[in-house]
Amino acid sequence: MAYNYTEEELESFVDGVVKARDLIKSKSPDFLIAPLGGAVPFVDIFCLSDPDYFCAVNKEFPPTSSRFENLDQMMGDWYYNFFKSNFAEIPLNMVSIDEIVGGGSTVRNHNYVEAGMRKFVREDLKELIGDHKDVHVNREFLERFRHLKSLVKYEAVGLMYEGEDERTAKKYAKKRKHNQAYTRLVGEGKIIPIGVKKIITMDNPQLNPLKFSFVKNGSGKGHFIPEIARIEYSNEYLDFLKNVAQYMGVDPVGANPSNTNNFRSFERYLPKDKH
């Protein structure tokens, strides 16, 4: 079978994933955050190479795909529901694994977490004092929000696309450099990029087993919704896992997907209108 990656690209990619795996494990997260779609192969490789840790660690798969409508609102609500279920006034350590190209999507993922935290504090205040808006309430909101931020830690470890050639590398390095929010978060240690020649799973439907539901409207057009229509492991994906295993020195016979039963867990945090 012909693959869309060279042996050198595969080695660079796997080396990057292994670095990400070891870094994430060293941080002992309470939750590994793996955005639905792009991060799925990364988690399969984590479980393939270190099953005792990564098959057991708590994993959440937030539906952050740009193909979904009203994504900012939906993800703010999603993380609000996540915090309602999982925050207990003690430190909460979240580490995500993501793709980095221009840096924009990784910044948005940070923003979604913060939006969820803001709503969590706002709704908590409403229960205590109602829906008032005055200086005292604003001050109380800021104090509670700072308190929450002091307890919740969210970091993103990202496979960063460096480019297959010098021209491409310069193009995307320039985009990241001009993204002020991205450079700030990298400087603060909240985004940790790990460079690879090519993110070989990115934008390749054959290397993404999740297929989302598509809803048509009256004009014949439509949009994707945060609902998994099916999970489909192509021969190319199964071969990809075996190639990864072989390079890592793991028995390729046992190189199988390992998260099938976890993917739909994201639905319990969706706002009611998205179910």
Protein backbone atom coordinates (compact mmCIF):
# COMPACT_ATOMS: atom_id res chain seq x y z
CA MET A 1 0.00 0.00 0.00
CA ALA A 2 1.24 3.52 -0.87
CA TYR A 3 1.25 5.95 2.06
CA ASN A 4 1.04 9.73 2.13
CA TYR A 5 4.22 9.96 4.21
CA THR A 6 7.84 8.99 3.78
CA GLU A 7 9.82 6.87 6.22
CA GLU A 8 11.68 10.00 7.35
CA GLU A 9 8.39 11.85 7.97
CA LEU A 10 7.01 8.90 9.93
CA GLU A 11 10.12 8.77 12.11
CA SER A 12 10.00 12.52 12.79
CA PHE A 13 6.30 12.31 13.62
CA VAL A 14 6.65 9.33 15.97
CA ASP A 15 9.68 10.87 17.70
CA GLY A 16 7.55 13.96 18.32
CA VAL A 17 4.60 11.95 19.66
CA VAL A 18 6.92 10.02 21.99
CA LYS A 19 8.36 13.30 23.34
CA ALA A 20 4.80 14.57 23.87
CA ARG A 21 3.83 11.31 25.58
CA ASP A 22 6.73 11.46 28.02
CA LEU A 23 6.17 15.15 28.77
CA ILE A 24 2.46 14.64 29.43
CA LYS A 25 3.14 11.65 31.69
CA SER A 26 5.69 13.69 33.66
CA LYS A 27 2.99 16.27 34.40
CA SER A 28 0.65 13.64 35.94
CA PRO A 29 -2.56 15.22 34.63
CA ASP A 30 -5.92 14.58 36.25
CA PHE A 31 -7.32 14.69 32.71
CA LEU A 32 -5.71 14.21 29.34
CA ILE A 33 -7.60 16.47 26.93
CA ALA A 34 -7.59 15.17 23.35
CA PRO A 35 -9.66 17.25 20.89
CA LEU A 36 -11.97 14.99 18.88
CA GLY A 37 -10.61 14.23 15.47
CA GLY A 38 -7.04 15.44 15.20
CA ALA A 39 -5.77 14.11 18.53
CA VAL A 40 -7.31 10.66 18.28
CA PRO A 41 -4.29 9.01 16.57
CA PHE A 42 -1.96 10.57 19.15
CA VAL A 43 -3.86 8.92 22.01
CA ASP A 44 -3.86 5.58 20.18
CA ILE A 45 -0.06 5.83 19.92
CA PHE A 46 0.21 6.77 23.61
CA CYS A 47 -1.80 3.69 24.56
CA LEU A 48 0.11 1.52 22.12
CA SER A 49 3.51 2.49 23.57
CA ASP A 50 2.60 2.94 27.27
CA PRO A 51 -0.69 1.10 27.87
CA ASP A 52 -0.40 0.82 31.65
CA TYR A 53 -0.48 4.60 32.05
CA PHE A 54 -2.36 5.99 29.07
CA CYS A 55 -5.14 3.42 28.90
CA ALA A 56 -5.89 4.18 32.55
CA VAL A 57 -5.55 7.98 32.69
CA ASN A 58 -8.79 10.01 32.56
CA LYS A 59 -9.35 11.19 29.01
CA GLU A 60 -11.79 13.70 27.60
CA PHE A 61 -12.39 14.33 23.90
CA PRO A 62 -13.84 17.85 23.49
CA PRO A 63 -15.60 18.46 20.13
CA THR A 64 -13.47 21.42 19.01
CA SER A 65 -13.67 20.83 15.25
CA SER A 66 -14.04 24.04 13.26
CA ARG A 67 -16.67 22.24 11.15
CA PHE A 68 -19.25 22.66 13.93
CA GLU A 69 -21.52 25.72 14.05
CA ASN A 70 -21.41 28.27 16.90
CA LEU A 71 -18.27 26.60 18.18
CA ASP A 72 -17.22 29.34 20.63
CA GLN A 73 -20.57 29.26 22.44
CA MET A 74 -20.81 25.48 22.38
CA MET A 75 -17.31 24.93 23.75
CA GLY A 76 -17.73 27.53 26.50
CA ASP A 77 -20.85 25.62 27.57
CA TRP A 78 -19.06 22.28 27.18
CA TYR A 79 -16.26 23.27 29.54
CA TYR A 80 -18.76 24.84 31.96
CA ASN A 81 -20.47 21.45 32.22
CA PHE A 82 -17.08 19.77 32.53
CA PHE A 83 -16.14 21.98 35.49
CA LYS A 84 -19.54 21.43 37.11
CA SER A 85 -18.85 17.71 37.07
CA ASN A 86 -15.14 17.67 37.87
CA PHE A 87 -14.09 20.75 39.86
CA ALA A 88 -14.17 20.23 43.64
CA GLU A 89 -12.26 23.22 45.08
CA ILE A 90 -8.97 21.37 44.86
CA PRO A 91 -6.25 21.69 42.18
CA LEU A 92 -7.29 20.33 38.79
CA ASN A 93 -4.50 19.57 36.34
CA MET A 94 -5.44 19.33 32.65
CA VAL A 95 -2.97 18.67 29.83
CA SER A 96 -4.02 18.56 26.19
CA ILE A 97 -2.39 17.05 23.13
CA ASP A 98 -2.98 18.99 19.96
CA GLU A 99 -1.83 19.90 16.45
CA ILE A 100 -0.07 23.23 15.88
CA VAL A 101 0.20 24.79 12.43
CA GLY A 102 -0.36 28.55 12.68
CA GLY A 103 -1.15 28.39 16.39
CA GLY A 104 -4.72 29.68 16.12
CA SER A 105 -6.59 26.50 17.06
CA THR A 106 -4.42 25.90 20.13
CA VAL A 107 -5.10 29.46 21.31
CA ARG A 108 -8.84 28.93 20.77
CA ASN A 109 -8.71 25.78 22.89
CA HIS A 110 -7.26 27.84 25.74
CA ASN A 111 -10.02 30.40 25.22
CA TYR A 112 -12.71 27.71 25.40
CA VAL A 113 -11.39 26.54 28.76
CA GLU A 114 -11.35 30.10 30.08
CA ALA A 115 -14.88 30.76 28.76
CA GLY A 116 -16.08 27.67 30.62
CA MET A 117 -14.41 28.89 33.79
CA ARG A 118 -16.03 32.33 33.47
CA LYS A 119 -19.47 30.79 33.05
CA PHE A 120 -18.84 28.45 35.99
CA VAL A 121 -18.10 31.43 38.26
CA ARG A 122 -20.96 33.52 36.83
CA GLU A 123 -23.56 30.79 37.34
CA ASP A 124 -22.26 30.08 40.83
CA LEU A 125 -22.70 33.75 41.72
CA LYS A 126 -26.23 33.78 40.30
CA GLU A 127 -27.22 30.98 42.67
CA LEU A 128 -25.93 33.00 45.62
CA ILE A 129 -27.11 36.55 44.89
CA GLY A 130 -29.29 36.45 41.80
CA ASP A 131 -28.67 38.14 38.47
CA HIS A 132 -27.48 41.51 39.79
CA LYS A 133 -24.97 43.70 38.00
CA ASP A 134 -23.15 46.20 40.19
CA VAL A 135 -19.62 47.03 41.30
CA HIS A 136 -19.75 44.64 44.23
CA VAL A 137 -20.84 41.73 42.04
CA ASN A 138 -18.15 42.52 39.45
CA ARG A 139 -15.51 42.57 42.19
CA GLU A 140 -16.80 39.30 43.64
CA PHE A 141 -16.75 37.75 40.14
CA LEU A 142 -13.13 38.76 39.58
CA GLU A 143 -12.05 37.43 42.95
CA ARG A 144 -13.77 34.10 42.40
CA PHE A 145 -12.45 33.85 38.84
CA ARG A 146 -8.88 34.46 40.02
CA HIS A 147 -9.37 31.82 42.70
CA LEU A 148 -10.61 29.30 40.12
CA LYS A 149 -7.70 30.09 37.79
CA SER A 150 -5.28 29.53 40.67
CA LEU A 151 -6.63 25.99 41.09
CA VAL A 152 -7.18 24.96 37.46
CA LYS A 153 -4.10 24.35 35.35
CA TYR A 154 -4.45 23.86 31.61
CA GLU A 155 -1.44 23.29 29.38
CA ALA A 156 -1.28 22.25 25.74
CA VAL A 157 1.46 20.01 24.38
CA GLY A 158 1.37 20.38 20.62
CA LEU A 159 2.87 18.56 17.65
CA MET A 160 4.08 21.57 15.65
CA TYR A 161 4.21 21.37 11.87
CA GLU A 162 7.65 22.61 10.79
CA GLY A 163 7.22 21.89 7.09
CA GLU A 164 8.67 19.40 4.65
CA ASP A 165 10.90 22.04 3.05
CA GLU A 166 12.57 25.33 4.00
CA ARG A 167 9.98 27.53 2.27
CA THR A 168 7.07 25.90 4.09
CA ALA A 169 8.95 26.00 7.38
CA LYS A 170 9.53 29.77 7.06
CA LYS A 171 5.90 30.38 6.08
CA TYR A 172 4.41 28.75 9.17
CA ALA A 173 7.11 29.98 11.53
CA LYS A 174 6.20 33.51 10.41
CA LYS A 175 2.48 32.87 11.01
CA ARG A 176 3.15 31.64 14.52
CA LYS A 177 5.49 34.55 15.25
CA HIS A 178 2.80 37.06 14.23
CA ASN A 179 0.15 35.37 16.37
CA GLN A 180 0.58 37.40 19.55
CA ALA A 181 -1.72 35.28 21.70
CA TYR A 182 0.15 32.14 20.65
CA THR A 183 3.62 33.60 21.34
CA ARG A 184 2.40 34.89 24.74
CA LEU A 185 1.05 31.47 25.77
CA VAL A 186 4.26 29.78 24.60
CA GLY A 187 6.27 32.30 26.61
CA GLU A 188 4.15 31.55 29.69
CA GLY A 189 4.69 27.80 29.24
CA LYS A 190 0.99 27.19 28.62
CA ILE A 191 1.64 25.94 25.08
CA ILE A 192 4.60 23.61 24.63
CA PRO A 193 5.37 23.01 20.93
CA ILE A 194 7.25 19.94 19.72
CA GLY A 195 8.44 20.29 16.13
CA VAL A 196 7.92 17.59 13.51
CA LYS A 197 8.51 17.65 9.76
CA LYS A 198 4.93 16.70 9.02
CA ILE A 199 1.83 15.94 11.08
CA ILE A 200 1.03 12.96 8.90
CA THR A 201 -2.40 12.37 10.42
CA MET A 202 -3.58 15.94 9.81
CA ASP A 203 -6.33 16.53 7.21
CA ASN A 204 -6.23 12.89 6.15
CA PRO A 205 -9.69 11.25 6.46
CA GLN A 206 -8.11 7.79 6.16
CA LEU A 207 -6.09 8.46 9.33
CA ASN A 208 -9.03 9.81 11.31
CA PRO A 209 -11.47 7.09 12.36
CA LEU A 210 -14.25 9.42 13.56
CA LYS A 211 -16.98 10.36 11.08
CA PHE A 212 -19.39 13.08 12.24
CA SER A 213 -23.06 13.38 11.39
CA PHE A 214 -24.01 15.82 8.64
CA VAL A 215 -27.35 17.64 8.66
CA LYS A 216 -28.79 19.16 5.48
CA ASN A 217 -30.95 22.28 5.48
CA GLY A 218 -33.77 23.28 3.14
CA SER A 219 -31.45 24.67 0.46
CA GLY A 220 -29.60 21.40 0.11
CA LYS A 221 -26.59 22.67 2.01
CA GLY A 222 -25.80 21.70 5.56
CA HIS A 223 -23.30 21.39 8.35
CA PHE A 224 -21.64 18.87 10.62
CA ILE A 225 -22.94 18.41 14.15
CA PRO A 226 -21.11 17.15 17.27
CA GLU A 227 -22.38 13.62 16.95
CA ILE A 228 -20.31 10.61 15.92
CA ALA A 229 -22.09 8.91 13.03
CA ARG A 230 -19.66 6.01 12.96
CA ILE A 231 -16.14 4.96 13.90
CA GLU A 232 -14.31 3.60 10.90
CA TYR A 233 -10.81 2.14 11.05
CA SER A 234 -9.49 2.08 7.49
CA ASN A 235 -6.82 -0.36 6.37
CA GLU A 236 -4.53 2.64 6.00
CA TYR A 237 -5.09 3.59 9.66
CA LEU A 238 -4.44 0.04 10.88
CA ASP A 239 -1.27 -0.11 8.74
CA PHE A 240 -0.25 3.28 10.13
CA LEU A 241 -0.47 1.96 13.71
CA LYS A 242 1.58 -1.10 12.74
CA ASN A 243 4.23 1.11 11.07
CA VAL A 244 4.37 3.26 14.21
CA ALA A 245 4.68 0.19 16.44
CA GLN A 246 7.45 -1.27 14.31
CA TYR A 247 9.48 1.96 14.50
CA MET A 248 9.00 2.13 18.28
CA GLY A 249 10.00 -1.48 18.78
CA VAL A 250 6.53 -2.58 19.85
CA ASP A 251 5.03 -5.81 18.53
CA PRO A 252 2.97 -4.68 15.49
CA VAL A 253 0.63 -7.67 15.90
CA GLY A 254 -0.94 -5.96 18.90
CA ALA A 255 -1.06 -2.52 17.29
CA ASN A 256 -4.80 -1.92 17.45
CA PRO A 257 -7.01 1.11 18.23
CA SER A 258 -7.68 1.38 21.94
CA ASN A 259 -10.13 4.21 22.65
CA THR A 260 -13.26 3.19 20.77
CA ASN A 261 -15.42 3.02 23.91
CA ASN A 262 -14.33 6.45 25.16
CA PHE A 263 -14.99 8.75 22.22
CA ARG A 264 -18.70 9.34 22.83
CA SER A 265 -18.12 10.34 26.45
CA PHE A 266 -17.87 13.97 25.26
CA GLU A 267 -21.66 14.02 24.75
CA ARG A 268 -22.40 14.24 28.48
CA TYR A 269 -20.95 17.77 28.58
CA LEU A 270 -22.72 19.08 25.49
CA PRO A 271 -25.30 21.83 26.05
CA LYS A 272 -28.84 20.43 25.84
CA ASP A 273 -29.58 21.98 22.44
CA LYS A 274 -26.64 20.07 20.93
CA HIS A 275 -27.78 16.59 21.95
